[in-house]
């Protein structure tokens, strides 16, 4: 898509206007524009914190034996308070931890609607075709697509927060094969991120220069696509009509 950046090569598409012309400082660790992309996410208001990264043998860089979510979790237990959009702090983390992935904490500024990849691609095409504003979207080589939206609640409006316990925890992904709503108390990997396996990554399909939409504007298309793909998995070869 001409309006996106951070595609499969890590260099495709366009950066938002405020990023154009920026060059990484000499000597900085900047794997395929890693630092630039992280700063773009922070500049769009996504709070970031360092996360684990893949280690040889499909292992995690953390010291937990048999880590259940290798390279997909924060480094610190204090990730919710540690998460920040401060440019200088993110630059320090990125340069001092050149292999680290980063997570973004949801439920403060943004939520993430997390769906199976094929369902997400179908819904994205449908939403864009209908002229609906879609915000940042990322896809992961482990078979998920992430739709970044405004949060349904903020710290100034605590009664309206939707606790993540109603939807899923990031460490129980296998128990939620359909739609997962990451909100208060959750997180997702923010691109660019590396996953265990041979060149497995998380990348932007639509970058963070796109404004965050209300999640309810995307929800029907996403749930419909998830239901269709779930039904097709149960009944292969059956044609399931789209709802309009």
C-alpha atoms as a PDB file:
ATOM      1  CA  UNK A   1       0.000   0.000   0.000  1.00  0.00           C
ATOM      2  CA  UNK A   2       1.418   3.396  -0.896  1.00  0.00           C
ATOM      3  CA  UNK A   3       0.325   4.953   2.387  1.00  0.00           C
ATOM      4  CA  UNK A   4       2.104   2.505   4.644  1.00  0.00           C
ATOM      5  CA  UNK A   5       5.604   1.894   5.900  1.00  0.00           C
ATOM      6  CA  UNK A   6       7.512  -0.884   7.547  1.00  0.00           C
ATOM      7  CA  UNK A   7       6.416  -3.601   5.128  1.00  0.00           C
ATOM      8  CA  UNK A   8       8.011  -7.035   4.695  1.00  0.00           C
ATOM      9  CA  UNK A   9      11.415  -5.617   3.817  1.00  0.00           C
ATOM     10  CA  UNK A  10      11.339  -3.286   6.834  1.00  0.00           C
ATOM     11  CA  UNK A  11      11.919  -0.339   4.482  1.00  0.00           C
ATOM     12  CA  UNK A  12       8.839  -0.183   2.260  1.00  0.00           C
ATOM     13  CA  UNK A  13       6.362   2.679   2.124  1.00  0.00           C
ATOM     14  CA  UNK A  14       6.413   6.152   3.573  1.00  0.00           C
ATOM     15  CA  UNK A  15       7.260   7.547   6.963  1.00  0.00           C
ATOM     16  CA  UNK A  16       5.026  10.166   8.501  1.00  0.00           C
ATOM     17  CA  UNK A  17       5.981  13.793   7.802  1.00  0.00           C
ATOM     18  CA  UNK A  18       7.667  14.417  11.147  1.00  0.00           C
ATOM     19  CA  UNK A  19      10.057  11.525  10.552  1.00  0.00           C
ATOM     20  CA  UNK A  20      11.176  12.454   7.052  1.00  0.00           C
ATOM     21  CA  UNK A  21      14.756  13.543   6.898  1.00  0.00           C
ATOM     22  CA  UNK A  22      15.723  11.979  10.237  1.00  0.00           C
ATOM     23  CA  UNK A  23      18.931   9.909  10.191  1.00  0.00           C
ATOM     24  CA  UNK A  24      20.127   7.624  12.997  1.00  0.00           C
ATOM     25  CA  UNK A  25      23.079   8.976  14.922  1.00  0.00           C
ATOM     26  CA  UNK A  26      26.430   7.633  13.857  1.00  0.00           C
ATOM     27  CA  UNK A  27      27.320   4.440  15.670  1.00  0.00           C
ATOM     28  CA  UNK A  28      23.760   3.776  16.838  1.00  0.00           C
ATOM     29  CA  UNK A  29      22.312   0.284  16.676  1.00  0.00           C
ATOM     30  CA  UNK A  30      19.572   0.658  14.077  1.00  0.00           C
ATOM     31  CA  UNK A  31      18.706  -2.727  12.605  1.00  0.00           C
ATOM     32  CA  UNK A  32      16.709  -1.973   9.451  1.00  0.00           C
ATOM     33  CA  UNK A  33      15.406   1.334  10.855  1.00  0.00           C
ATOM     34  CA  UNK A  34      14.547  -0.173  14.239  1.00  0.00           C
ATOM     35  CA  UNK A  35      15.143   2.949  16.293  1.00  0.00           C
ATOM     36  CA  UNK A  36      13.353   5.177  13.788  1.00  0.00           C
ATOM     37  CA  UNK A  37      10.300   2.923  13.814  1.00  0.00           C
ATOM     38  CA  UNK A  38      10.255   2.763  17.616  1.00  0.00           C
ATOM     39  CA  UNK A  39      10.426   6.543  17.841  1.00  0.00           C
ATOM     40  CA  UNK A  40       7.609   6.789  15.301  1.00  0.00           C
ATOM     41  CA  UNK A  41       5.426   4.604  17.523  1.00  0.00           C
ATOM     42  CA  UNK A  42       6.295   6.657  20.614  1.00  0.00           C
ATOM     43  CA  UNK A  43       5.691   9.879  18.688  1.00  0.00           C
ATOM     44  CA  UNK A  44       2.196   8.608  17.882  1.00  0.00           C
ATOM     45  CA  UNK A  45       1.554   8.207  21.615  1.00  0.00           C
ATOM     46  CA  UNK A  46       2.183   4.462  22.054  1.00  0.00           C
ATOM     47  CA  UNK A  47       3.979   3.909  25.405  1.00  0.00           C
ATOM     48  CA  UNK A  48       6.918   1.517  25.003  1.00  0.00           C
ATOM     49  CA  UNK A  49       9.046  -0.685  27.265  1.00  0.00           C
ATOM     50  CA  UNK A  50      11.863  -3.161  26.506  1.00  0.00           C
ATOM     51  CA  UNK A  51      10.979  -6.805  25.904  1.00  0.00           C
ATOM     52  CA  UNK A  52      12.805 -10.088  25.560  1.00  0.00           C
ATOM     53  CA  UNK A  53      14.250 -11.236  22.248  1.00  0.00           C
ATOM     54  CA  UNK A  54      14.856 -14.609  20.569  1.00  0.00           C
ATOM     55  CA  UNK A  55      17.834 -16.702  21.653  1.00  0.00           C
ATOM     56  CA  UNK A  56      19.382 -19.645  19.743  1.00  0.00           C
ATOM     57  CA  UNK A  57      17.411 -22.874  19.762  1.00  0.00           C
ATOM     58  CA  UNK A  58      13.925 -21.317  19.724  1.00  0.00           C
ATOM     59  CA  UNK A  59      14.594 -19.998  23.222  1.00  0.00           C
ATOM     60  CA  UNK A  60      13.991 -16.690  24.965  1.00  0.00           C
ATOM     61  CA  UNK A  61      16.634 -14.232  26.138  1.00  0.00           C
ATOM     62  CA  UNK A  62      15.111 -14.295  29.636  1.00  0.00           C
ATOM     63  CA  UNK A  63      16.446 -16.708  32.265  1.00  0.00           C
ATOM     64  CA  UNK A  64      13.130 -18.533  32.727  1.00  0.00           C
ATOM     65  CA  UNK A  65      13.420 -22.232  31.928  1.00  0.00           C
ATOM     66  CA  UNK A  66      10.779 -23.204  29.389  1.00  0.00           C
ATOM     67  CA  UNK A  67       9.540 -19.619  28.900  1.00  0.00           C
ATOM     68  CA  UNK A  68       5.945 -19.994  27.588  1.00  0.00           C
ATOM     69  CA  UNK A  69       6.082 -16.815  25.465  1.00  0.00           C
ATOM     70  CA  UNK A  70       9.675 -16.560  24.197  1.00  0.00           C
ATOM     71  CA  UNK A  71      10.615 -13.081  22.945  1.00  0.00           C
ATOM     72  CA  UNK A  72       7.025 -11.856  23.466  1.00  0.00           C
ATOM     73  CA  UNK A  73       7.080 -10.478  27.033  1.00  0.00           C
ATOM     74  CA  UNK A  74       8.488  -7.412  28.831  1.00  0.00           C
ATOM     75  CA  UNK A  75      11.875  -7.553  30.501  1.00  0.00           C
ATOM     76  CA  UNK A  76      10.684  -5.879  33.708  1.00  0.00           C
ATOM     77  CA  UNK A  77       7.759  -6.806  35.960  1.00  0.00           C
ATOM     78  CA  UNK A  78       7.231  -3.026  36.262  1.00  0.00           C
ATOM     79  CA  UNK A  79       6.469  -2.673  32.555  1.00  0.00           C
ATOM     80  CA  UNK A  80       3.185  -0.822  33.139  1.00  0.00           C
ATOM     81  CA  UNK A  81       4.851   2.021  35.025  1.00  0.00           C
ATOM     82  CA  UNK A  82       8.046   1.797  32.960  1.00  0.00           C
ATOM     83  CA  UNK A  83       6.254   2.222  29.621  1.00  0.00           C
ATOM     84  CA  UNK A  84       6.895   5.656  28.168  1.00  0.00           C
ATOM     85  CA  UNK A  85       6.777   7.798  25.052  1.00  0.00           C
ATOM     86  CA  UNK A  86       9.846   9.795  26.145  1.00  0.00           C
ATOM     87  CA  UNK A  87      12.112  10.017  23.126  1.00  0.00           C
ATOM     88  CA  UNK A  88      15.397  10.202  25.041  1.00  0.00           C
ATOM     89  CA  UNK A  89      14.557   7.170  27.187  1.00  0.00           C
ATOM     90  CA  UNK A  90      13.555   5.080  24.176  1.00  0.00           C
ATOM     91  CA  UNK A  91      16.762   6.056  22.369  1.00  0.00           C
ATOM     92  CA  UNK A  92      18.794   4.951  25.403  1.00  0.00           C
ATOM     93  CA  UNK A  93      16.972   1.624  25.626  1.00  0.00           C
ATOM     94  CA  UNK A  94      17.279   0.984  21.886  1.00  0.00           C
ATOM     95  CA  UNK A  95      21.008   1.703  21.824  1.00  0.00           C
ATOM     96  CA  UNK A  96      21.944  -0.062  25.055  1.00  0.00           C
ATOM     97  CA  UNK A  97      19.797  -3.110  24.223  1.00  0.00           C
ATOM     98  CA  UNK A  98      20.318  -3.519  20.468  1.00  0.00           C
ATOM     99  CA  UNK A  99      18.653  -6.952  20.291  1.00  0.00           C
ATOM    100  CA  UNK A 100      15.649  -6.185  22.473  1.00  0.00           C
ATOM    101  CA  UNK A 101      12.092  -6.257  21.234  1.00  0.00           C
ATOM    102  CA  UNK A 102       9.689  -3.653  22.626  1.00  0.00           C
ATOM    103  CA  UNK A 103       6.140  -3.960  23.904  1.00  0.00           C
ATOM    104  CA  UNK A 104       3.507  -1.260  24.011  1.00  0.00           C
ATOM    105  CA  UNK A 105       1.238  -1.167  27.053  1.00  0.00           C
ATOM    106  CA  UNK A 106      -2.441  -1.089  26.131  1.00  0.00           C
ATOM    107  CA  UNK A 107      -5.331   0.508  28.002  1.00  0.00           C
ATOM    108  CA  UNK A 108      -3.625   3.852  28.624  1.00  0.00           C
ATOM    109  CA  UNK A 109      -3.750   5.550  25.226  1.00  0.00           C
ATOM    110  CA  UNK A 110      -4.672   2.734  22.907  1.00  0.00           C
ATOM    111  CA  UNK A 111      -6.190  -0.740  22.771  1.00  0.00           C
ATOM    112  CA  UNK A 112      -5.350  -3.483  20.283  1.00  0.00           C
ATOM    113  CA  UNK A 113      -7.822  -5.781  18.544  1.00  0.00           C
ATOM    114  CA  UNK A 114      -5.833  -8.940  17.823  1.00  0.00           C
ATOM    115  CA  UNK A 115      -7.242 -11.398  15.272  1.00  0.00           C
ATOM    116  CA  UNK A 116      -6.097 -14.369  13.161  1.00  0.00           C
ATOM    117  CA  UNK A 117      -4.061 -13.169  10.195  1.00  0.00           C
ATOM    118  CA  UNK A 118      -6.365 -14.287   7.382  1.00  0.00           C
ATOM    119  CA  UNK A 119      -9.435 -12.918   9.142  1.00  0.00           C
ATOM    120  CA  UNK A 120      -7.603  -9.652   9.719  1.00  0.00           C
ATOM    121  CA  UNK A 121      -6.594  -9.313   6.076  1.00  0.00           C
ATOM    122  CA  UNK A 122     -10.188  -9.922   4.970  1.00  0.00           C
ATOM    123  CA  UNK A 123     -11.534  -7.390   7.477  1.00  0.00           C
ATOM    124  CA  UNK A 124      -8.913  -4.782   6.548  1.00  0.00           C
ATOM    125  CA  UNK A 125      -9.831  -5.026   2.876  1.00  0.00           C
ATOM    126  CA  UNK A 126     -13.515  -4.746   3.736  1.00  0.00           C
ATOM    127  CA  UNK A 127     -13.010  -1.752   6.030  1.00  0.00           C
ATOM    128  CA  UNK A 128     -10.853   0.181   3.586  1.00  0.00           C
ATOM    129  CA  UNK A 129     -13.253  -0.643   0.755  1.00  0.00           C
ATOM    130  CA  UNK A 130     -16.109   0.811   2.810  1.00  0.00           C
ATOM    131  CA  UNK A 131     -14.163   4.012   3.452  1.00  0.00           C
ATOM    132  CA  UNK A 132     -13.893   3.379   7.194  1.00  0.00           C
ATOM    133  CA  UNK A 133     -10.939   5.008   8.931  1.00  0.00           C
ATOM    134  CA  UNK A 134      -8.475   2.315   9.973  1.00  0.00           C
ATOM    135  CA  UNK A 135      -5.555   3.164  12.211  1.00  0.00           C
ATOM    136  CA  UNK A 136      -2.176   1.476  12.560  1.00  0.00           C
ATOM    137  CA  UNK A 137      -2.147  -2.229  11.727  1.00  0.00           C
ATOM    138  CA  UNK A 138       0.631  -4.752  12.307  1.00  0.00           C
ATOM    139  CA  UNK A 139       0.978  -8.375  11.316  1.00  0.00           C
ATOM    140  CA  UNK A 140       2.970 -11.118  12.962  1.00  0.00           C
ATOM    141  CA  UNK A 141       4.557 -14.154  11.365  1.00  0.00           C
ATOM    142  CA  UNK A 142       2.998 -16.288  14.106  1.00  0.00           C
ATOM    143  CA  UNK A 143      -0.343 -15.768  12.373  1.00  0.00           C
ATOM    144  CA  UNK A 144      -1.930 -12.716  13.990  1.00  0.00           C
ATOM    145  CA  UNK A 145      -2.940  -9.225  12.837  1.00  0.00           C
ATOM    146  CA  UNK A 146      -3.079  -6.314  15.288  1.00  0.00           C
ATOM    147  CA  UNK A 147      -5.463  -3.367  14.856  1.00  0.00           C
ATOM    148  CA  UNK A 148      -4.437  -0.383  17.025  1.00  0.00           C
ATOM    149  CA  UNK A 149      -7.358   1.738  18.243  1.00  0.00           C
ATOM    150  CA  UNK A 150      -8.192   4.361  20.818  1.00  0.00           C
ATOM    151  CA  UNK A 151      -8.691   2.931  24.273  1.00  0.00           C
ATOM    152  CA  UNK A 152     -12.207   2.630  25.643  1.00  0.00           C
ATOM    153  CA  UNK A 153     -11.116   4.232  28.892  1.00  0.00           C
ATOM    154  CA  UNK A 154      -8.365   6.419  30.280  1.00  0.00           C
ATOM    155  CA  UNK A 155      -6.831   6.990  33.737  1.00  0.00           C
ATOM    156  CA  UNK A 156      -8.958  10.161  33.968  1.00  0.00           C
ATOM    157  CA  UNK A 157     -12.086   8.084  33.396  1.00  0.00           C
ATOM    158  CA  UNK A 158     -11.312   4.932  35.382  1.00  0.00           C
ATOM    159  CA  UNK A 159     -14.916   3.721  35.670  1.00  0.00           C
ATOM    160  CA  UNK A 160     -15.004   3.315  31.887  1.00  0.00           C
ATOM    161  CA  UNK A 161     -11.915   1.093  31.690  1.00  0.00           C
ATOM    162  CA  UNK A 162     -12.624  -2.344  30.285  1.00  0.00           C
ATOM    163  CA  UNK A 163     -10.368  -4.727  32.225  1.00  0.00           C
ATOM    164  CA  UNK A 164      -8.343  -7.110  30.114  1.00  0.00           C
ATOM    165  CA  UNK A 165      -9.553 -10.024  32.262  1.00  0.00           C
ATOM    166  CA  UNK A 166     -12.794  -9.889  30.281  1.00  0.00           C
ATOM    167  CA  UNK A 167     -10.886 -10.693  27.104  1.00  0.00           C
ATOM    168  CA  UNK A 168      -7.469 -12.296  27.431  1.00  0.00           C
ATOM    169  CA  UNK A 169      -4.081 -12.157  29.043  1.00  0.00           C
ATOM    170  CA  UNK A 170      -1.008 -11.866  26.813  1.00  0.00           C
ATOM    171  CA  UNK A 171       0.414 -15.064  28.302  1.00  0.00           C
ATOM    172  CA  UNK A 172      -2.706 -17.135  27.500  1.00  0.00           C
ATOM    173  CA  UNK A 173      -2.825 -16.553  23.754  1.00  0.00           C
ATOM    174  CA  UNK A 174      -3.503 -20.160  22.810  1.00  0.00           C
ATOM    175  CA  UNK A 175      -6.740 -20.075  24.800  1.00  0.00           C
ATOM    176  CA  UNK A 176      -8.120 -17.264  22.634  1.00  0.00           C
ATOM    177  CA  UNK A 177      -7.791 -18.312  19.005  1.00  0.00           C
ATOM    178  CA  UNK A 178     -10.319 -15.746  17.734  1.00  0.00           C
ATOM    179  CA  UNK A 179     -10.557 -12.060  18.619  1.00  0.00           C
ATOM    180  CA  UNK A 180      -8.494 -10.824  21.574  1.00  0.00           C
ATOM    181  CA  UNK A 181      -9.069  -7.346  22.942  1.00  0.00           C
ATOM    182  CA  UNK A 182      -5.911  -6.027  24.588  1.00  0.00           C
ATOM    183  CA  UNK A 183      -6.829  -3.216  26.947  1.00  0.00           C
ATOM    184  CA  UNK A 184      -6.009  -2.335  30.546  1.00  0.00           C
ATOM    185  CA  UNK A 185      -3.301  -4.598  31.973  1.00  0.00           C
ATOM    186  CA  UNK A 186      -2.184  -6.049  28.642  1.00  0.00           C
ATOM    187  CA  UNK A 187       0.478  -5.425  26.018  1.00  0.00           C
ATOM    188  CA  UNK A 188       1.530  -6.417  22.510  1.00  0.00           C
ATOM    189  CA  UNK A 189       4.840  -6.419  20.685  1.00  0.00           C
ATOM    190  CA  UNK A 190       5.343  -3.235  18.702  1.00  0.00           C
ATOM    191  CA  UNK A 191       7.087  -3.418  15.307  1.00  0.00           C
ATOM    192  CA  UNK A 192       9.792  -4.016  14.447  1.00  0.00           C
ATOM    193  CA  UNK A 193      10.097  -7.159  16.558  1.00  0.00           C
ATOM    194  CA  UNK A 194      11.742 -10.551  16.054  1.00  0.00           C
ATOM    195  CA  UNK A 195      10.124 -13.862  16.993  1.00  0.00           C
ATOM    196  CA  UNK A 196      11.752 -17.250  17.560  1.00  0.00           C
ATOM    197  CA  UNK A 197      12.250 -19.101  14.309  1.00  0.00           C
ATOM    198  CA  UNK A 198      13.809 -18.428  10.947  1.00  0.00           C
ATOM    199  CA  UNK A 199      13.287 -14.732  10.090  1.00  0.00           C
ATOM    200  CA  UNK A 200       9.982 -14.543  11.998  1.00  0.00           C
ATOM    201  CA  UNK A 201       8.940 -10.951  12.654  1.00  0.00           C
ATOM    202  CA  UNK A 202       6.240  -8.464  13.603  1.00  0.00           C
ATOM    203  CA  UNK A 203       5.932  -5.622  11.081  1.00  0.00           C
ATOM    204  CA  UNK A 204       3.720  -2.652  10.263  1.00  0.00           C
ATOM    205  CA  UNK A 205       1.136  -3.017   7.507  1.00  0.00           C
ATOM    206  CA  UNK A 206      -0.134   0.519   8.207  1.00  0.00           C
ATOM    207  CA  UNK A 207       2.207   2.642  10.261  1.00  0.00           C
ATOM    208  CA  UNK A 208       1.573   4.672  13.422  1.00  0.00           C
ATOM    209  CA  UNK A 209       1.183   7.889  11.418  1.00  0.00           C
ATOM    210  CA  UNK A 210      -2.447   6.799  10.935  1.00  0.00           C
ATOM    211  CA  UNK A 211      -4.827   8.215  13.556  1.00  0.00           C
ATOM    212  CA  UNK A 212      -6.214   5.775  16.131  1.00  0.00           C
ATOM    213  CA  UNK A 213      -9.897   4.987  15.430  1.00  0.00           C
ATOM    214  CA  UNK A 214     -12.675   4.103  17.866  1.00  0.00           C
ATOM    215  CA  UNK A 215     -12.501   0.313  18.303  1.00  0.00           C
ATOM    216  CA  UNK A 216     -16.256  -0.026  17.866  1.00  0.00           C
ATOM    217  CA  UNK A 217     -15.940   1.222  14.278  1.00  0.00           C
ATOM    218  CA  UNK A 218     -13.838  -1.877  13.464  1.00  0.00           C
ATOM    219  CA  UNK A 219     -15.412  -4.440  15.738  1.00  0.00           C
ATOM    220  CA  UNK A 220     -18.241  -5.719  13.506  1.00  0.00           C
ATOM    221  CA  UNK A 221     -15.954  -6.340  10.525  1.00  0.00           C
ATOM    222  CA  UNK A 222     -13.379  -8.071  12.707  1.00  0.00           C
ATOM    223  CA  UNK A 223     -15.813 -10.301  14.580  1.00  0.00           C
ATOM    224  CA  UNK A 224     -17.578 -11.185  11.322  1.00  0.00           C
ATOM    225  CA  UNK A 225     -14.283 -12.151   9.660  1.00  0.00           C
ATOM    226  CA  UNK A 226     -13.218 -14.168  12.712  1.00  0.00           C
ATOM    227  CA  UNK A 227     -16.549 -16.023  12.726  1.00  0.00           C
ATOM    228  CA  UNK A 228     -16.246 -16.797   9.004  1.00  0.00           C
ATOM    229  CA  UNK A 229     -12.720 -18.122   9.303  1.00  0.00           C
ATOM    230  CA  UNK A 230     -13.587 -20.090  12.421  1.00  0.00           C
ATOM    231  CA  UNK A 231     -16.521 -21.681  10.622  1.00  0.00           C
ATOM    232  CA  UNK A 232     -14.375 -22.460   7.583  1.00  0.00           C
ATOM    233  CA  UNK A 233     -11.846 -24.176   9.846  1.00  0.00           C
ATOM    234  CA  UNK A 234     -14.650 -26.342  11.267  1.00  0.00           C
ATOM    235  CA  UNK A 235     -16.237 -26.981   7.852  1.00  0.00           C
ATOM    236  CA  UNK A 236     -13.547 -26.775   5.131  1.00  0.00           C
ATOM    237  CA  UNK A 237     -14.730 -26.070   1.610  1.00  0.00           C
ATOM    238  CA  UNK A 238     -17.966 -24.328   2.676  1.00  0.00           C
ATOM    239  CA  UNK A 239     -18.630 -20.832   1.287  1.00  0.00           C
ATOM    240  CA  UNK A 240     -19.716 -18.390   4.001  1.00  0.00           C
ATOM    241  CA  UNK A 241     -21.296 -15.091   2.903  1.00  0.00           C
ATOM    242  CA  UNK A 242     -20.134 -11.762   4.300  1.00  0.00           C
ATOM    243  CA  UNK A 243     -22.566  -9.813   6.440  1.00  0.00           C
ATOM    244  CA  UNK A 244     -23.262  -6.255   5.351  1.00  0.00           C
END
